[in-house]
Every structure is written in C-alpha cells, then in structure tokens.
C-alpha cells in the first residue's frame, strides 16, 4: 500500500512538470520571428497544470527565463495562460529585460504576442522601472568652447590664408 502511494505521489509531481515542458515549448513562439519554437523555463517550489483551462500556476520562489526575448523574472507567483499567451506575475515582481532594463512592482502582466508589460504597484507605493538609454552625447569627450579668445589690445594677430 505504501509503495503504491509513493508511486502516485511521484506521478503527481512529475506529470505536471512533463506537461509544462511540452506545453511551453510547443505553444510559445516569438511574434517577431516566424519559424521555430522558443523555450520558456519556469522554476518554482510548486507548479500545477490545469489541462482543461491550459493554465500553469507556479508558486514560491518563481524564476522565469525566456531567452528568445531576453527576459528574466522573479516573483512569489506566476501564471501562464497558454490560450491567451499571457503571463501574470505577482508578489515582489522583478523583471530584467535585455540585460539592462528592469521593472519592479507588485503585479506585472506580460502580453507575449505584443511584447508588452503592464505593471501595478502595491497600495500606497509606485512601480519602479529603470531603462538604459543610449546617449551619444554623453559617450563623447566633453568639447571645449569653440569661440576664440579675443586678442589683447595692441597685439598682432595673423589672419588665416
């Protein structure tokens, strides 16, 4: 009896993980490129898959990696709605995109096909976003004034040819 219960427990744990892997790699593709599947990896303390609604729920120390879009995310909980192609993150959400830009909020919705984030703060707080903006003016050495000093009275100046 104990052996069959352990076998069921093993199946209960492994089956959703197997289905999650197949579902995510089979359903996700980038909106920008037309060919091939793009893997999205979700790690969490607990993951559940509802075959009827095709919703994956991950709870506890959720980490998501989506290399095709250069997105990394952490949260207390995440839900992937495969039919809507949407991911909802909640609880101390931190998202890093393209290695530089970041969002910190209580709740974030990522619309996969649109490549769009919608972030909501905790009550009485604000959403924080940091964007790295390329500014060519700042990368150039500071230029000196282009005006020539006025010559002193009585001094001779040469005129250019």
N, C-alpha and C. Protein backbone atom coordinates (compact mmCIF):
# COMPACT_ATOMS: atom_id res chain seq x y z
N UNK A 1 0.83 -1.20 0.00
CA UNK A 1 0.00 0.00 0.00
C UNK A 1 0.87 1.26 0.00
N UNK A 2 1.89 1.32 0.82
CA UNK A 2 2.77 2.48 0.90
C UNK A 2 3.50 2.69 -0.43
N UNK A 3 3.90 1.59 -1.08
CA UNK A 3 4.61 1.69 -2.34
C UNK A 3 3.72 2.30 -3.43
N UNK A 4 2.46 1.91 -3.48
CA UNK A 4 1.55 2.47 -4.50
C UNK A 4 1.28 3.95 -4.23
N UNK A 5 1.22 4.35 -2.96
CA UNK A 5 1.01 5.77 -2.64
C UNK A 5 2.23 6.59 -3.08
N UNK A 6 3.42 6.04 -2.88
CA UNK A 6 4.63 6.75 -3.30
C UNK A 6 4.69 6.85 -4.82
N UNK A 7 4.25 5.79 -5.50
CA UNK A 7 4.21 5.81 -6.96
C UNK A 7 3.25 6.89 -7.46
N UNK A 8 2.07 7.00 -6.82
CA UNK A 8 1.11 8.03 -7.19
C UNK A 8 1.67 9.43 -6.93
N UNK A 9 2.35 9.59 -5.78
CA UNK A 9 2.94 10.88 -5.45
C UNK A 9 3.99 11.25 -6.50
N UNK A 10 4.80 10.29 -6.88
CA UNK A 10 5.82 10.54 -7.91
C UNK A 10 5.19 10.96 -9.22
N UNK A 11 4.11 10.29 -9.62
CA UNK A 11 3.41 10.66 -10.85
C UNK A 11 2.78 12.04 -10.72
N UNK A 12 2.21 12.32 -9.55
CA UNK A 12 1.56 13.62 -9.33
C UNK A 12 2.57 14.76 -9.44
N UNK A 13 3.80 14.50 -9.03
CA UNK A 13 4.83 15.53 -9.10
C UNK A 13 5.41 15.63 -10.51
N UNK A 14 5.72 14.51 -11.13
CA UNK A 14 6.40 14.50 -12.42
C UNK A 14 5.49 14.81 -13.60
N UNK A 15 4.26 14.37 -13.57
CA UNK A 15 3.36 14.57 -14.70
C UNK A 15 3.17 16.05 -15.04
N UNK A 16 2.86 16.91 -14.06
CA UNK A 16 2.71 18.33 -14.41
C UNK A 16 3.99 18.94 -14.97
N UNK A 17 5.15 18.54 -14.44
CA UNK A 17 6.41 19.08 -14.94
C UNK A 17 6.61 18.68 -16.39
N UNK A 18 6.32 17.43 -16.71
CA UNK A 18 6.45 16.97 -18.09
C UNK A 18 5.49 17.72 -19.00
N UNK A 19 4.27 17.87 -18.58
CA UNK A 19 3.27 18.57 -19.39
C UNK A 19 3.66 20.03 -19.56
N UNK A 20 4.16 20.67 -18.50
CA UNK A 20 4.56 22.06 -18.57
C UNK A 20 5.65 22.24 -19.62
N UNK A 21 6.63 21.38 -19.62
CA UNK A 21 7.71 21.48 -20.58
C UNK A 21 7.19 21.34 -22.00
N UNK A 22 6.37 20.36 -22.25
CA UNK A 22 5.82 20.14 -23.59
C UNK A 22 4.93 21.30 -23.99
N UNK A 23 4.09 21.75 -23.09
CA UNK A 23 3.16 22.83 -23.41
C UNK A 23 3.90 24.11 -23.74
N UNK A 24 4.87 24.49 -22.92
CA UNK A 24 5.55 25.75 -23.14
C UNK A 24 6.38 25.75 -24.41
N UNK A 25 7.13 24.69 -24.64
CA UNK A 25 7.95 24.69 -25.84
C UNK A 25 7.09 24.51 -27.07
N UNK A 26 5.95 23.87 -26.94
CA UNK A 26 5.08 23.67 -28.09
C UNK A 26 4.24 24.88 -28.42
N UNK A 27 3.89 25.71 -27.47
CA UNK A 27 2.96 26.81 -27.70
C UNK A 27 3.65 28.16 -27.92
N UNK A 28 4.84 28.34 -27.36
CA UNK A 28 5.45 29.65 -27.42
C UNK A 28 6.24 29.86 -28.69
N UNK A 29 6.05 30.97 -29.30
CA UNK A 29 6.91 31.41 -30.40
C UNK A 29 6.94 32.92 -30.37
N UNK A 30 8.00 33.50 -30.87
CA UNK A 30 8.09 34.95 -30.79
C UNK A 30 7.23 35.58 -31.86
N UNK A 31 6.75 36.75 -31.55
CA UNK A 31 5.93 37.47 -32.52
C UNK A 31 6.80 38.00 -33.66
N UNK A 32 8.09 38.23 -33.38
CA UNK A 32 8.96 38.82 -34.39
C UNK A 32 9.46 37.80 -35.40
N UNK A 33 9.68 36.55 -35.01
CA UNK A 33 10.20 35.58 -35.96
C UNK A 33 9.14 34.54 -36.26
N UNK A 34 9.11 34.11 -37.49
CA UNK A 34 8.02 33.23 -37.90
C UNK A 34 8.33 31.76 -37.71
N UNK A 35 9.58 31.37 -37.55
CA UNK A 35 9.88 29.94 -37.51
C UNK A 35 10.37 29.47 -36.16
N UNK A 36 10.00 28.23 -35.80
CA UNK A 36 10.56 27.57 -34.63
C UNK A 36 9.90 27.93 -33.32
N UNK A 37 10.03 27.00 -32.39
CA UNK A 37 9.53 27.22 -31.04
C UNK A 37 10.61 27.86 -30.20
N UNK A 38 10.21 28.60 -29.19
CA UNK A 38 11.13 29.27 -28.29
C UNK A 38 10.88 28.77 -26.88
N UNK A 39 11.89 28.23 -26.22
CA UNK A 39 11.67 27.73 -24.86
C UNK A 39 11.49 28.85 -23.84
N UNK A 40 10.63 28.60 -22.88
CA UNK A 40 10.42 29.46 -21.74
C UNK A 40 10.54 28.55 -20.53
N UNK A 41 11.46 28.84 -19.63
CA UNK A 41 11.69 27.97 -18.48
C UNK A 41 11.14 28.63 -17.23
N UNK A 42 10.36 27.87 -16.46
CA UNK A 42 9.83 28.35 -15.19
C UNK A 42 10.29 27.40 -14.10
N UNK A 43 10.88 27.96 -13.05
CA UNK A 43 11.28 27.18 -11.88
C UNK A 43 10.51 27.74 -10.68
N UNK A 44 10.04 26.85 -9.82
CA UNK A 44 9.29 27.28 -8.63
C UNK A 44 9.25 26.15 -7.63
N UNK A 45 8.89 26.48 -6.39
CA UNK A 45 8.74 25.45 -5.36
C UNK A 45 7.61 24.49 -5.72
N UNK A 46 6.51 25.03 -6.24
CA UNK A 46 5.34 24.22 -6.60
C UNK A 46 4.83 24.69 -7.96
N UNK A 47 4.47 23.72 -8.82
CA UNK A 47 3.86 24.05 -10.10
C UNK A 47 2.66 23.15 -10.33
N UNK A 48 1.60 23.74 -10.87
CA UNK A 48 0.38 22.99 -11.18
C UNK A 48 -0.01 23.29 -12.62
N UNK A 49 -0.61 22.30 -13.27
CA UNK A 49 -1.10 22.48 -14.63
C UNK A 49 -2.54 22.03 -14.69
N UNK A 50 -3.42 22.89 -15.20
CA UNK A 50 -4.83 22.55 -15.39
C UNK A 50 -5.03 22.30 -16.88
N UNK A 51 -5.22 21.03 -17.24
CA UNK A 51 -5.35 20.64 -18.65
C UNK A 51 -6.61 21.23 -19.29
N UNK A 52 -7.64 21.41 -18.50
CA UNK A 52 -8.90 21.94 -19.03
C UNK A 52 -8.74 23.41 -19.45
N UNK A 53 -8.17 24.22 -18.58
CA UNK A 53 -8.01 25.65 -18.88
C UNK A 53 -6.66 25.96 -19.54
N UNK A 54 -5.76 25.01 -19.52
CA UNK A 54 -4.40 25.17 -20.03
C UNK A 54 -3.67 26.32 -19.33
N UNK A 55 -3.82 26.35 -18.01
CA UNK A 55 -3.17 27.36 -17.19
C UNK A 55 -2.13 26.68 -16.31
N UNK A 56 -0.94 27.23 -16.30
CA UNK A 56 0.13 26.74 -15.44
C UNK A 56 0.29 27.74 -14.31
N UNK A 57 0.29 27.25 -13.08
CA UNK A 57 0.48 28.10 -11.91
C UNK A 57 1.75 27.67 -11.20
N UNK A 58 2.64 28.63 -10.95
CA UNK A 58 3.89 28.37 -10.24
C UNK A 58 3.89 29.23 -8.99
N UNK A 59 4.23 28.60 -7.85
CA UNK A 59 4.23 29.32 -6.56
C UNK A 59 5.53 29.09 -5.81
N UNK A 60 5.98 30.13 -5.15
CA UNK A 60 7.15 30.04 -4.28
C UNK A 60 8.46 30.16 -5.04
N UNK A 61 9.17 31.24 -4.82
CA UNK A 61 10.49 31.46 -5.44
C UNK A 61 10.45 31.23 -6.95
N UNK A 62 9.51 31.84 -7.60
CA UNK A 62 9.34 31.65 -9.05
C UNK A 62 10.46 32.37 -9.80
N UNK A 63 11.05 31.64 -10.73
CA UNK A 63 12.06 32.20 -11.62
C UNK A 63 11.67 31.84 -13.04
N UNK A 64 11.67 32.83 -13.91
CA UNK A 64 11.34 32.57 -15.31
C UNK A 64 12.48 33.07 -16.19
N UNK A 65 12.79 32.28 -17.19
CA UNK A 65 13.82 32.64 -18.15
C UNK A 65 13.26 32.45 -19.55
N UNK A 66 13.28 33.50 -20.35
CA UNK A 66 12.77 33.47 -21.71
C UNK A 66 13.85 34.08 -22.62
N UNK A 67 14.85 33.27 -22.99
CA UNK A 67 16.00 33.79 -23.74
C UNK A 67 15.65 34.43 -25.08
N UNK A 68 14.62 33.95 -25.77
CA UNK A 68 14.26 34.50 -27.08
C UNK A 68 13.92 35.98 -26.99
N UNK A 69 13.39 36.41 -25.85
CA UNK A 69 13.03 37.83 -25.64
C UNK A 69 13.97 38.51 -24.66
N UNK A 70 15.02 37.80 -24.25
CA UNK A 70 15.99 38.30 -23.27
C UNK A 70 15.29 38.79 -22.00
N UNK A 71 14.41 37.94 -21.46
CA UNK A 71 13.66 38.30 -20.26
C UNK A 71 13.98 37.31 -19.14
N UNK A 72 14.26 37.86 -17.95
CA UNK A 72 14.39 37.08 -16.73
C UNK A 72 13.43 37.70 -15.72
N UNK A 73 12.77 36.85 -14.95
CA UNK A 73 11.81 37.38 -13.98
C UNK A 73 11.84 36.56 -12.70
N UNK A 74 11.57 37.22 -11.58
CA UNK A 74 11.37 36.54 -10.30
C UNK A 74 10.09 37.09 -9.68
N UNK A 75 9.39 36.23 -8.94
CA UNK A 75 8.15 36.63 -8.29
C UNK A 75 7.77 35.57 -7.27
N UNK A 76 6.78 35.88 -6.44
CA UNK A 76 6.25 34.90 -5.50
C UNK A 76 5.35 33.90 -6.23
N UNK A 77 4.65 34.37 -7.27
CA UNK A 77 3.74 33.50 -8.03
C UNK A 77 3.71 33.96 -9.49
N UNK A 78 3.49 33.00 -10.38
CA UNK A 78 3.30 33.31 -11.80
C UNK A 78 2.27 32.36 -12.38
N UNK A 79 1.49 32.87 -13.31
CA UNK A 79 0.51 32.04 -14.02
C UNK A 79 0.69 32.27 -15.51
N UNK A 80 0.81 31.16 -16.24
CA UNK A 80 0.93 31.22 -17.70
C UNK A 80 -0.38 30.76 -18.30
N UNK A 81 -1.04 31.67 -19.03
CA UNK A 81 -2.30 31.38 -19.70
C UNK A 81 -1.97 31.11 -21.16
N UNK A 82 -1.86 29.83 -21.51
CA UNK A 82 -1.39 29.48 -22.85
C UNK A 82 -2.36 29.89 -23.95
N UNK A 83 -3.65 29.83 -23.71
CA UNK A 83 -4.63 30.24 -24.73
C UNK A 83 -4.54 31.73 -25.02
N UNK A 84 -4.37 32.53 -23.98
CA UNK A 84 -4.29 33.99 -24.14
C UNK A 84 -2.87 34.46 -24.42
N UNK A 85 -1.89 33.56 -24.26
CA UNK A 85 -0.47 33.88 -24.42
C UNK A 85 -0.10 35.08 -23.54
N UNK A 86 -0.36 34.86 -22.25
CA UNK A 86 -0.16 35.89 -21.25
C UNK A 86 0.46 35.26 -20.01
N UNK A 87 1.33 36.01 -19.33
CA UNK A 87 1.91 35.57 -18.07
C UNK A 87 1.62 36.63 -17.03
N UNK A 88 1.01 36.23 -15.91
CA UNK A 88 0.75 37.13 -14.79
C UNK A 88 1.72 36.80 -13.67
N UNK A 89 2.47 37.80 -13.22
CA UNK A 89 3.38 37.65 -12.09
C UNK A 89 2.79 38.41 -10.91
N UNK A 90 2.98 37.90 -9.70
CA UNK A 90 2.52 38.64 -8.52
C UNK A 90 3.44 38.38 -7.34
N UNK A 91 3.53 39.37 -6.46
CA UNK A 91 4.33 39.26 -5.25
C UNK A 91 5.79 39.58 -5.47
N UNK A 92 6.17 40.82 -5.17
CA UNK A 92 7.57 41.26 -5.27
C UNK A 92 8.18 40.88 -6.62
N UNK A 93 7.58 41.37 -7.67
CA UNK A 93 7.98 41.02 -9.03
C UNK A 93 9.19 41.86 -9.45
N UNK A 94 10.17 41.18 -10.03
CA UNK A 94 11.33 41.85 -10.61
C UNK A 94 11.56 41.26 -11.99
N UNK A 95 11.59 42.11 -13.00
CA UNK A 95 11.80 41.66 -14.38
C UNK A 95 12.98 42.40 -14.96
N UNK A 96 13.89 41.64 -15.53
CA UNK A 96 15.07 42.19 -16.19
C UNK A 96 14.96 41.84 -17.67
N UNK A 97 15.03 42.86 -18.52
CA UNK A 97 14.90 42.63 -19.96
C UNK A 97 16.10 43.19 -20.69
N UNK A 98 16.60 42.42 -21.64
CA UNK A 98 17.74 42.78 -22.47
C UNK A 98 18.96 43.10 -21.62
N UNK A 99 19.06 42.49 -20.45
CA UNK A 99 20.23 42.64 -19.61
C UNK A 99 20.37 43.97 -18.89
N UNK A 100 19.54 44.96 -19.21
CA UNK A 100 19.69 46.29 -18.62
C UNK A 100 18.41 46.88 -18.06
N UNK A 101 17.34 46.83 -18.81
CA UNK A 101 16.07 47.45 -18.40
C UNK A 101 15.38 46.58 -17.36
N UNK A 102 14.76 47.23 -16.37
CA UNK A 102 14.11 46.45 -15.32
C UNK A 102 12.81 47.09 -14.85
N UNK A 103 11.95 46.23 -14.29
CA UNK A 103 10.68 46.66 -13.70
C UNK A 103 10.58 46.00 -12.33
N UNK A 104 10.15 46.78 -11.35
CA UNK A 104 9.91 46.25 -10.01
C UNK A 104 8.51 46.69 -9.61
N UNK A 105 7.63 45.70 -9.30
CA UNK A 105 6.24 46.01 -8.98
C UNK A 105 5.63 44.88 -8.16
N UNK A 106 4.40 45.07 -7.73
CA UNK A 106 3.68 44.02 -7.00
C UNK A 106 3.05 43.03 -7.97
N UNK A 107 2.52 43.55 -9.09
CA UNK A 107 1.91 42.68 -10.11
C UNK A 107 2.35 43.15 -11.49
N UNK A 108 2.68 42.19 -12.34
CA UNK A 108 3.06 42.51 -13.72
C UNK A 108 2.40 41.49 -14.64
N UNK A 109 1.79 41.99 -15.70
CA UNK A 109 1.24 41.13 -16.75
C UNK A 109 2.12 41.30 -17.98
N UNK A 110 2.53 40.17 -18.55
CA UNK A 110 3.33 40.20 -19.78
C UNK A 110 2.49 39.63 -20.91
N UNK A 111 2.22 40.45 -21.91
CA UNK A 111 1.46 40.04 -23.09
C UNK A 111 2.48 39.59 -24.14
N UNK A 112 2.58 38.29 -24.32
CA UNK A 112 3.65 37.71 -25.13
C UNK A 112 3.64 38.21 -26.57
N UNK A 113 2.50 38.12 -27.23
CA UNK A 113 2.44 38.50 -28.64
C UNK A 113 2.72 39.97 -28.88
N UNK A 114 2.37 40.80 -27.92
CA UNK A 114 2.60 42.24 -28.05
C UNK A 114 3.97 42.65 -27.52
N UNK A 115 4.60 41.78 -26.73
CA UNK A 115 5.88 42.13 -26.11
C UNK A 115 5.72 43.29 -25.14
N UNK A 116 4.58 43.32 -24.44
CA UNK A 116 4.22 44.46 -23.59
C UNK A 116 4.06 44.04 -22.14
N UNK A 117 4.54 44.88 -21.22
CA UNK A 117 4.39 44.68 -19.79
C UNK A 117 3.40 45.69 -19.24
N UNK A 118 2.55 45.24 -18.31
CA UNK A 118 1.64 46.13 -17.59
C UNK A 118 1.94 45.90 -16.11
N UNK A 119 2.42 46.93 -15.43
CA UNK A 119 2.87 46.79 -14.05
C UNK A 119 1.98 47.59 -13.11
N UNK A 120 1.63 46.98 -11.98
CA UNK A 120 0.82 47.63 -10.95
C UNK A 120 1.57 47.60 -9.62
N UNK A 121 1.50 48.70 -8.86
CA UNK A 121 2.21 48.74 -7.59
C UNK A 121 1.40 48.15 -6.44
N UNK A 122 2.08 47.98 -5.33
CA UNK A 122 1.41 47.65 -4.08
C UNK A 122 0.68 48.93 -3.66
N UNK A 123 -0.37 48.82 -2.84
CA UNK A 123 -1.11 50.03 -2.46
C UNK A 123 -0.18 51.01 -1.75
N UNK A 124 -0.37 52.28 -2.05
CA UNK A 124 0.43 53.38 -1.50
C UNK A 124 1.90 53.31 -1.91
N UNK A 125 2.22 52.62 -2.98
CA UNK A 125 3.59 52.54 -3.48
C UNK A 125 3.58 52.88 -4.96
N UNK A 126 4.72 52.80 -5.58
CA UNK A 126 4.83 53.06 -7.01
C UNK A 126 5.58 51.94 -7.70
N UNK A 127 5.38 51.83 -8.99
CA UNK A 127 6.15 50.91 -9.82
C UNK A 127 7.48 51.59 -10.13
N UNK A 128 8.55 50.81 -10.10
CA UNK A 128 9.86 51.35 -10.46
C UNK A 128 10.35 50.69 -11.74
N UNK A 129 10.70 51.50 -12.71
CA UNK A 129 11.28 51.00 -13.96
C UNK A 129 12.59 51.71 -14.19
N UNK A 130 13.58 50.96 -14.63
CA UNK A 130 14.87 51.53 -14.97
C UNK A 130 15.16 51.15 -16.41
N UNK A 131 15.38 52.15 -17.24
CA UNK A 131 15.66 51.93 -18.65
C UNK A 131 17.03 52.50 -18.98
N UNK A 132 17.84 51.73 -19.64
CA UNK A 132 19.15 52.19 -20.08
C UNK A 132 18.97 52.84 -21.44
N UNK A 133 19.29 54.11 -21.52
CA UNK A 133 19.09 54.88 -22.74
C UNK A 133 20.46 55.25 -23.30
N UNK A 134 20.67 54.91 -24.55
CA UNK A 134 21.93 55.25 -25.19
C UNK A 134 21.92 56.73 -25.51
N UNK A 135 22.96 57.40 -25.08
CA UNK A 135 23.07 58.83 -25.30
C UNK A 135 24.46 59.10 -25.87
N UNK A 136 24.53 59.31 -27.18
CA UNK A 136 25.81 59.52 -27.84
C UNK A 136 26.53 60.75 -27.32
N UNK A 137 25.80 61.78 -26.92
CA UNK A 137 26.43 63.00 -26.42
C UNK A 137 27.24 62.72 -25.17
N UNK A 138 26.78 61.81 -24.32
CA UNK A 138 27.49 61.52 -23.08
C UNK A 138 28.71 60.65 -23.31
N UNK A 139 28.73 59.88 -24.38
CA UNK A 139 29.86 59.00 -24.63
C UNK A 139 31.03 59.74 -25.28
N UNK A 140 30.79 60.92 -25.85
CA UNK A 140 31.84 61.73 -26.46
C UNK A 140 32.56 62.51 -25.37
N UNK A 141 33.87 62.75 -25.54
CA UNK A 141 34.55 63.59 -24.54
C UNK A 141 33.95 64.99 -24.58
N UNK A 142 33.95 65.62 -23.45
CA UNK A 142 33.36 66.96 -23.39
C UNK A 142 34.16 67.89 -24.28
N UNK A 143 33.48 68.64 -25.09
CA UNK A 143 34.16 69.54 -26.02
C UNK A 143 34.40 70.88 -25.35
N UNK A 144 35.46 71.51 -25.82
CA UNK A 144 35.78 72.83 -25.29
C UNK A 144 35.00 73.88 -26.07
N UNK A 145 34.87 75.05 -25.51
CA UNK A 145 34.15 76.09 -26.24
C UNK A 145 34.81 76.35 -27.59
N UNK A 146 34.01 76.60 -28.60
CA UNK A 146 34.54 76.82 -29.95
C UNK A 146 34.84 78.28 -30.23
N UNK A 147 34.52 79.16 -29.32
CA UNK A 147 34.81 80.58 -29.54
C UNK A 147 36.28 80.84 -29.26
N UNK A 148 36.88 81.70 -30.08
CA UNK A 148 38.28 82.05 -29.90
C UNK A 148 38.36 83.20 -28.91
N UNK A 149 39.40 83.18 -28.09
CA UNK A 149 39.54 84.32 -27.18
C UNK A 149 39.83 85.60 -27.98
N UNK A 150 39.35 86.69 -27.48
CA UNK A 150 39.58 87.97 -28.16
C UNK A 150 41.03 88.40 -27.93
N UNK A 151 41.69 88.86 -28.98
CA UNK A 151 43.09 89.27 -28.81
C UNK A 151 43.19 90.50 -27.93
N UNK A 152 44.33 90.60 -27.25
CA UNK A 152 44.57 91.75 -26.39
C UNK A 152 44.81 92.98 -27.25
N UNK A 153 44.52 94.13 -26.69
CA UNK A 153 44.73 95.40 -27.39
C UNK A 153 46.21 95.53 -27.74
N UNK A 154 46.49 95.90 -28.94
CA UNK A 154 47.86 96.17 -29.35
C UNK A 154 48.61 94.93 -29.81
N UNK A 155 48.07 93.75 -29.66
CA UNK A 155 48.79 92.56 -30.12
C UNK A 155 48.43 92.29 -31.56
N UNK A 156 49.39 91.72 -32.28
CA UNK A 156 49.16 91.42 -33.68
C UNK A 156 48.61 90.00 -33.80
N UNK A 157 47.65 89.84 -34.67
CA UNK A 157 47.11 88.51 -34.93
C UNK A 157 47.30 88.19 -36.39
N UNK A 158 47.51 86.94 -36.67
CA UNK A 158 47.66 86.51 -38.05
C UNK A 158 46.31 86.10 -38.58
N UNK A 159 46.07 86.50 -39.79
CA UNK A 159 44.82 86.05 -40.39
C UNK A 159 45.09 84.79 -41.20
N UNK A 160 44.15 83.87 -41.21
CA UNK A 160 44.36 82.65 -41.98
C UNK A 160 44.32 82.94 -43.47
N UNK A 161 45.01 82.12 -44.25
CA UNK A 161 45.06 82.30 -45.69
C UNK A 161 43.79 82.00 -46.30
